[in-house]
Protein backbone atom coordinates (compact mmCIF):
# COMPACT_ATOMS: atom_id res chain seq x y z
CA ASN A 1 0.16 0.02 -0.18
CA PRO A 2 1.84 3.74 -1.17
CA LEU A 3 1.96 5.71 1.44
CA GLU A 4 -0.07 8.91 0.11
CA ASN A 5 -0.30 11.74 2.81
CA GLN A 6 1.48 12.92 5.95
CA ASN A 7 -0.49 10.95 8.10
CA GLN A 8 -0.10 8.02 6.51
CA ILE A 9 3.89 8.70 6.59
CA LYS A 10 3.75 9.26 10.64
CA GLY A 11 1.76 6.45 11.16
CA ALA A 12 4.07 3.77 9.30
CA ILE A 13 7.20 5.41 11.08
CA LYS A 14 4.71 5.19 14.77
CA LYS A 15 4.29 1.40 13.55
CA LEU A 16 8.11 0.82 13.04
CA ASN A 17 8.98 2.71 16.28
CA GLU A 18 6.69 -0.12 18.03
CA LEU A 19 8.28 -3.08 16.54
CA PRO A 20 11.87 -5.03 19.10
CA GLU A 21 14.50 -3.99 17.48
CA THR A 22 16.40 -5.67 14.68
CA PHE A 23 19.21 -5.25 12.35
CA LEU A 24 16.45 -6.25 9.98
CA ILE A 25 15.04 -2.79 10.01
CA PHE A 26 18.56 -1.88 8.67
CA GLU A 27 18.15 -4.07 5.76
CA PHE A 28 14.58 -2.80 4.95
CA TYR A 29 16.03 1.17 5.12
CA GLU A 30 18.67 0.16 2.39
CA THR A 31 15.81 -1.60 0.24
CA VAL A 32 13.53 1.29 0.81
CA LYS A 33 16.28 3.93 -0.29
CA SER A 34 16.38 2.24 -3.53
CA SER A 35 12.65 2.20 -4.22
CA ASN A 36 13.96 4.47 -7.35
CA GLY A 37 11.31 7.16 -5.81
CA ARG A 38 8.19 4.88 -5.30
CA VAL A 39 8.83 5.69 -1.67
CA PRO A 40 8.35 9.30 -0.26
CA GLU A 41 11.43 10.89 0.76
CA GLU A 42 10.01 11.94 4.15
CA PHE A 43 9.61 8.28 5.00
CA ILE A 44 13.55 7.84 4.52
CA LYS A 45 14.21 10.71 6.41
CA GLY A 46 11.91 9.77 9.70
CA LEU A 47 13.01 5.80 8.94
CA GLU A 48 17.05 8.02 9.35
CA THR A 49 15.33 9.33 12.04
CA LEU A 50 14.70 6.32 13.74
CA LEU A 51 17.22 4.17 13.21
CA ASN A 52 19.93 6.76 14.37
CA ASP A 53 17.99 6.59 17.58
CA LEU A 54 18.09 2.70 18.08
CA GLU A 55 20.44 1.47 20.57
CA THR A 56 21.18 -1.34 18.68
CA LEU A 57 21.38 -0.14 15.15
CA SER A 58 22.63 3.20 15.71
CA GLU A 59 26.52 2.39 16.06
CA PRO A 60 27.07 0.46 12.09
CA PHE A 61 24.25 2.97 10.73
CA ARG A 62 26.18 6.30 11.75
CA THR A 63 29.07 4.22 10.78
CA LYS A 64 27.86 3.52 7.58
CA LYS A 65 26.88 7.31 6.62
CA LYS A 66 30.35 8.23 8.11
CA ASN A 67 32.43 5.77 5.97
CA LYS A 68 29.94 7.33 3.29
CA LYS A 69 30.55 10.78 3.44
CA LYS A 70 34.88 10.01 4.07
CA ASN A 71 34.66 8.53 0.57
CA LYS A 72 33.19 11.27 -0.79
CA LYS A 73 35.64 13.53 0.78
CA LYS A 74 38.32 11.39 -0.45
CA LYS A 75 36.58 11.40 -4.36
CA GLU A 76 36.46 15.43 -4.39
CA GLU A 77 40.46 15.54 -2.87
CA GLU A 78 41.62 13.51 -6.11
CA GLU A 79 38.73 15.95 -8.63
CA LYS A 80 40.71 18.62 -6.76
CA GLU A 81 44.16 17.25 -7.84
CA LYS A 82 43.13 16.70 -11.60
CA LYS A 83 42.45 20.30 -12.03
CA GLU A 84 45.89 21.45 -10.25
CA ILE A 85 46.97 23.72 -12.30
CA ILE A 86 50.07 23.29 -14.18
CA ALA A 87 51.92 25.26 -16.60
CA PRO A 88 52.12 24.79 -20.23
CA ASP A 89 55.92 23.97 -19.92
CA GLY A 90 55.98 21.46 -17.40
CA ALA A 91 56.54 24.30 -14.14
CA VAL A 92 54.62 23.57 -11.56
CA ASP A 93 52.04 26.24 -10.41
CA SER A 94 50.85 24.85 -7.19
CA ASP A 95 51.79 26.47 -3.81
CA GLU A 96 52.23 22.88 -1.86
CA SER A 97 55.05 21.61 -4.60
CA THR A 98 58.19 21.58 -2.69
CA ASP A 99 61.25 23.12 -4.11
CA SER A 100 63.12 19.29 -4.37
CA ILE A 101 60.44 18.08 -6.55
CA LYS A 102 60.03 20.99 -8.74
CA GLU A 103 63.88 20.36 -9.21
CA ILE A 104 63.91 16.89 -9.62
CA PHE A 105 61.16 17.41 -12.07
CA ASN A 106 63.06 20.11 -13.93
CA TYR A 107 66.21 18.22 -13.81
CA TYR A 108 64.47 14.98 -15.49
CA ASN A 109 62.96 17.51 -18.40
CA GLU A 110 66.74 18.93 -19.47
CA VAL A 111 67.90 15.41 -19.15
CA PHE A 112 64.92 13.72 -21.52
CA LYS A 113 64.66 17.55 -23.59
CA ASN A 114 65.42 15.11 -26.74
CA CYS A 115 63.29 12.28 -25.97
CA TRP A 116 59.76 13.63 -26.35
CA SER A 117 58.38 16.64 -27.68
CA LYS A 118 58.38 18.97 -25.19
CA PRO A 119 58.68 18.79 -21.85
CA LEU A 120 56.19 16.66 -19.52
CA LEU A 121 53.85 17.79 -17.17
CA LEU A 122 54.31 17.14 -13.23
CA THR A 123 51.27 15.68 -12.71
CA PRO A 124 49.49 14.79 -8.91
CA GLN A 125 50.23 11.73 -9.17
CA ARG A 126 53.99 12.48 -10.39
CA LYS A 127 54.57 14.30 -7.18
CA LYS A 128 53.10 11.89 -4.77
CA LYS A 129 55.84 9.46 -6.70
CA ILE A 130 58.92 11.41 -6.36
CA SER A 131 58.14 12.54 -2.51
CA ALA A 132 57.76 8.59 -1.61
CA ARG A 133 60.91 8.51 -2.77
CA LEU A 134 62.78 11.46 -1.06
CA ARG A 135 61.74 9.55 2.30
CA ASN A 136 65.12 7.42 1.52
CA PHE A 137 66.64 9.21 -0.84
CA THR A 138 68.42 12.67 -1.54
CA PRO A 139 67.28 15.02 -4.40
CA GLU A 140 71.34 14.20 -6.04
CA GLU A 141 70.63 10.57 -6.11
CA LEU A 142 67.60 10.86 -7.77
CA LYS A 143 69.08 13.21 -10.62
CA THR A 144 71.97 9.99 -10.53
CA VAL A 145 69.65 7.43 -11.38
CA ILE A 146 67.71 10.16 -13.69
CA ARG A 147 70.82 10.30 -15.73
CA ASN A 148 71.99 6.71 -15.42
CA ILE A 149 68.33 5.57 -17.04
CA ARG A 150 68.72 8.01 -19.41
CA ALA A 151 72.31 6.29 -20.90
CA SER A 152 70.32 3.14 -21.08
CA PRO A 153 69.48 2.98 -25.12
CA PHE A 154 67.48 0.28 -24.96
CA HIS A 155 65.28 2.20 -22.28
CA CYS A 156 65.34 5.51 -24.14
CA GLY A 157 63.76 3.98 -26.84
CA ASP A 158 66.04 1.75 -28.97
CA ASN A 159 64.13 -1.58 -28.36
CA ASP A 160 62.01 -3.31 -31.15
CA LYS A 161 58.98 -1.22 -29.93
CA GLY A 162 60.28 1.91 -30.26
CA ARG A 163 59.32 2.76 -26.89
CA ILE A 164 60.19 5.43 -24.21
CA TYR A 165 60.49 3.15 -21.38
CA ALA A 166 62.43 5.89 -18.98
CA THR A 167 58.68 7.95 -18.12
CA PRO A 168 59.27 9.18 -14.34
CA GLU A 169 56.08 6.77 -13.39
CA PHE A 170 58.60 4.11 -14.39
CA ILE A 171 61.49 5.85 -12.49
CA PHE A 172 59.77 7.03 -9.28
CA ARG A 173 57.61 3.99 -8.86
CA ASN A 174 59.18 2.49 -6.12
CA ASP A 175 62.50 2.35 -3.92
CA GLU A 176 63.80 -0.66 -5.37
CA ILE A 177 64.11 0.79 -8.86
CA VAL A 178 65.60 3.79 -7.68
CA ASP A 179 67.97 1.58 -5.83
CA LYS A 180 68.86 -0.42 -9.01
CA TRP A 181 69.45 2.63 -11.15
CA LEU A 182 71.64 4.22 -8.68
CA LYS A 183 73.42 1.19 -8.31
CA GLU A 184 73.87 0.76 -12.55
CA GLU A 185 76.65 1.07 -14.19
CA PRO A 186 76.12 4.20 -16.92
CA ARG A 187 75.57 3.07 -20.57
CA TYR A 188 76.66 5.73 -22.73
CA GLY A 189 74.52 6.12 -26.33
CA GLY A 190 70.86 6.33 -25.12
CA ILE A 191 68.18 8.10 -28.17
CA GLU A 192 70.53 10.92 -30.15
CA GLY A 193 73.37 10.14 -28.80
CA TYR A 194 73.32 11.16 -25.34
CA ASN A 195 76.81 11.00 -23.92
CA PRO A 196 77.16 12.57 -20.35
CA PRO A 197 81.05 13.53 -19.26
CA GLN A 198 83.14 10.88 -18.58
CA VAL A 199 83.77 9.79 -14.60
CA ILE A 200 87.50 8.90 -14.27
CA ASN A 201 88.55 6.95 -10.97
CA SER A 202 91.40 8.93 -10.17
CA ASP A 203 92.43 6.40 -7.75
CA ARG A 204 93.66 4.43 -11.24
CA PHE A 205 96.02 6.92 -12.19
CA GLU A 206 98.93 8.38 -10.57
CA GLY A 207 98.88 12.39 -9.96
CA TYR A 208 95.40 12.55 -11.94
CA ASN A 209 93.55 15.64 -10.88
CA PRO A 210 89.79 15.71 -12.26
CA PRO A 211 88.69 19.22 -12.46
CA ARG A 212 86.14 20.77 -9.86
CA VAL A 213 82.28 20.49 -11.02
CA ILE A 214 80.13 23.38 -9.92
């Protein structure tokens, strides 16, 4: 029997309130709420008030509503991150970005400038990856990783697919990847003959004084 007026709605809520407490009423609430408009909104609100007042059922009901609000807030924060303003040249306009993150990403764009048609953008996801790696590595170590992987022909496009694997997502994916490339022996000769200045081990050459790097 459909609820046709306010008196019937109040009467239905009153009858529900007289029933013994049971978790079945929570299932009843879920069913009513998914009735696609066949049940008046006033009845649903009255049922929510009833559930909040029931000692046995109030905790799971409140917990579910709390989790729903939490998920909604999380989704709003993710949408906000997606809308973060990033300059066309890859520089970051967000005040939340640290100088170290920007420095490292700008360094990546400089070292890989011949790999991509234009500088890559520092997206929120890339910022999170770099920020996570900075917990266990210094900015200079991450720059070394960038140089080492740039010197790998395979990771810079010289492969059967012609694909550049050395993306920021790949380089900063986890600490294990960073540690691997930090210890990797550079193999120069990547795309367009990338060939950074070679470092000579002074211990091998008596009296050799390497030039100062500024």
